[in-house]
Amino acid sequence: MIQISVNNNIQKIEANITLASFLEKLLPNQNGIAIALNEQVVPQSNWQVQKLVENDQILIITATQGG
């Protein structure tokens, strides 16, 4: 198990998991989200290959409609 931060909340997850696998478990509907990993935006095309490691900081940004 490793420890990461998701939107400033500490979570323990299995080691050697990709960002895509983690997000599938956390957010089944991933429409309209952007991900920053350690303050760097991760393109969705890289989610499948980006491995999470101890103390990673993930920020999940959700698009919302405004007026």
C-alpha atoms as a PDB file:
ATOM      1  CA  MET A   1       0.000   0.000   0.000  1.00  0.00           C
ATOM      2  CA  ILE A   2       1.072   3.568  -0.667  1.00  0.00           C
ATOM      3  CA  GLN A   3      -0.253   6.881   0.600  1.00  0.00           C
ATOM      4  CA  ILE A   4      -1.352   9.656  -1.760  1.00  0.00           C
ATOM      5  CA  SER A   5      -3.277  12.908  -1.437  1.00  0.00           C
ATOM      6  CA  VAL A   6      -6.464  13.433  -3.461  1.00  0.00           C
ATOM      7  CA  ASN A   7      -7.845  16.968  -3.281  1.00  0.00           C
ATOM      8  CA  ASN A   8      -5.996  17.348   0.038  1.00  0.00           C
ATOM      9  CA  ASN A   9      -7.458  14.125   1.482  1.00  0.00           C
ATOM     10  CA  ILE A  10      -5.024  11.343   2.349  1.00  0.00           C
ATOM     11  CA  GLN A  11      -5.828   7.950   0.825  1.00  0.00           C
ATOM     12  CA  LYS A  12      -4.093   4.597   0.965  1.00  0.00           C
ATOM     13  CA  ILE A  13      -4.110   2.713  -2.310  1.00  0.00           C
ATOM     14  CA  GLU A  14      -2.508  -0.401  -3.721  1.00  0.00           C
ATOM     15  CA  ALA A  15       1.031   0.017  -5.000  1.00  0.00           C
ATOM     16  CA  ASN A  16       1.888  -0.117  -8.701  1.00  0.00           C
ATOM     17  CA  ILE A  17      -1.452   1.268  -9.918  1.00  0.00           C
ATOM     18  CA  THR A  18      -1.941   3.600 -12.856  1.00  0.00           C
ATOM     19  CA  LEU A  19      -3.755   6.896 -12.657  1.00  0.00           C
ATOM     20  CA  ALA A  20      -6.443   5.498 -14.985  1.00  0.00           C
ATOM     21  CA  SER A  21      -7.074   2.457 -12.762  1.00  0.00           C
ATOM     22  CA  PHE A  22      -7.281   4.612  -9.657  1.00  0.00           C
ATOM     23  CA  LEU A  23      -9.702   7.043 -11.299  1.00  0.00           C
ATOM     24  CA  GLU A  24     -11.938   4.217 -12.566  1.00  0.00           C
ATOM     25  CA  LYS A  25     -12.422   3.083  -8.969  1.00  0.00           C
ATOM     26  CA  LEU A  26     -12.842   6.599  -7.590  1.00  0.00           C
ATOM     27  CA  LEU A  27     -14.922   8.189 -10.360  1.00  0.00           C
ATOM     28  CA  PRO A  28     -16.786   5.822 -12.676  1.00  0.00           C
ATOM     29  CA  ASN A  29     -18.012   8.840 -14.701  1.00  0.00           C
ATOM     30  CA  GLN A  30     -14.925  10.759 -15.775  1.00  0.00           C
ATOM     31  CA  ASN A  31     -16.595  13.195 -18.165  1.00  0.00           C
ATOM     32  CA  GLY A  32     -15.531  16.797 -17.710  1.00  0.00           C
ATOM     33  CA  ILE A  33     -12.602  16.261 -15.355  1.00  0.00           C
ATOM     34  CA  ALA A  34      -8.978  17.306 -15.505  1.00  0.00           C
ATOM     35  CA  ILE A  35      -6.193  15.874 -13.377  1.00  0.00           C
ATOM     36  CA  ALA A  36      -3.119  17.550 -11.953  1.00  0.00           C
ATOM     37  CA  LEU A  37      -0.456  15.272 -10.510  1.00  0.00           C
ATOM     38  CA  ASN A  38       2.081  17.008  -8.294  1.00  0.00           C
ATOM     39  CA  GLU A  39       0.968  20.381  -9.703  1.00  0.00           C
ATOM     40  CA  GLN A  40       1.362  19.290 -13.345  1.00  0.00           C
ATOM     41  CA  VAL A  41      -1.637  18.681 -15.614  1.00  0.00           C
ATOM     42  CA  VAL A  42      -1.690  15.104 -16.906  1.00  0.00           C
ATOM     43  CA  PRO A  43      -3.250  14.753 -20.378  1.00  0.00           C
ATOM     44  CA  GLN A  44      -5.958  12.103 -20.476  1.00  0.00           C
ATOM     45  CA  SER A  45      -3.903  10.276 -23.105  1.00  0.00           C
ATOM     46  CA  ASN A  46      -1.267   9.617 -20.396  1.00  0.00           C
ATOM     47  CA  TRP A  47      -3.595   8.357 -17.653  1.00  0.00           C
ATOM     48  CA  GLN A  48      -3.114   4.707 -18.725  1.00  0.00           C
ATOM     49  CA  VAL A  49       0.684   4.851 -18.387  1.00  0.00           C
ATOM     50  CA  GLN A  50       1.115   7.239 -15.442  1.00  0.00           C
ATOM     51  CA  LYS A  51       1.959   5.168 -12.337  1.00  0.00           C
ATOM     52  CA  LEU A  52       1.142   6.549  -8.909  1.00  0.00           C
ATOM     53  CA  VAL A  53       3.861   6.533  -6.263  1.00  0.00           C
ATOM     54  CA  GLU A  54       4.133   7.258  -2.545  1.00  0.00           C
ATOM     55  CA  ASN A  55       3.171  10.838  -1.584  1.00  0.00           C
ATOM     56  CA  ASP A  56       1.783  11.801  -5.002  1.00  0.00           C
ATOM     57  CA  GLN A  57      -0.617  14.722  -4.850  1.00  0.00           C
ATOM     58  CA  ILE A  58      -3.633  14.506  -7.142  1.00  0.00           C
ATOM     59  CA  LEU A  59      -5.967  17.401  -7.803  1.00  0.00           C
ATOM     60  CA  ILE A  60      -9.237  16.534  -9.543  1.00  0.00           C
ATOM     61  CA  ILE A  61     -10.867  19.469 -11.285  1.00  0.00           C
ATOM     62  CA  THR A  62     -14.472  19.140 -12.427  1.00  0.00           C
ATOM     63  CA  ALA A  63     -15.918  21.332 -15.145  1.00  0.00           C
ATOM     64  CA  THR A  64     -19.218  22.976 -14.229  1.00  0.00           C
ATOM     65  CA  GLN A  65     -21.648  25.093 -16.158  1.00  0.00           C
ATOM     66  CA  GLY A  66     -22.067  28.677 -15.140  1.00  0.00           C
ATOM     67  CA  GLY A  67     -24.039  31.617 -16.193  1.00  0.00           C
END
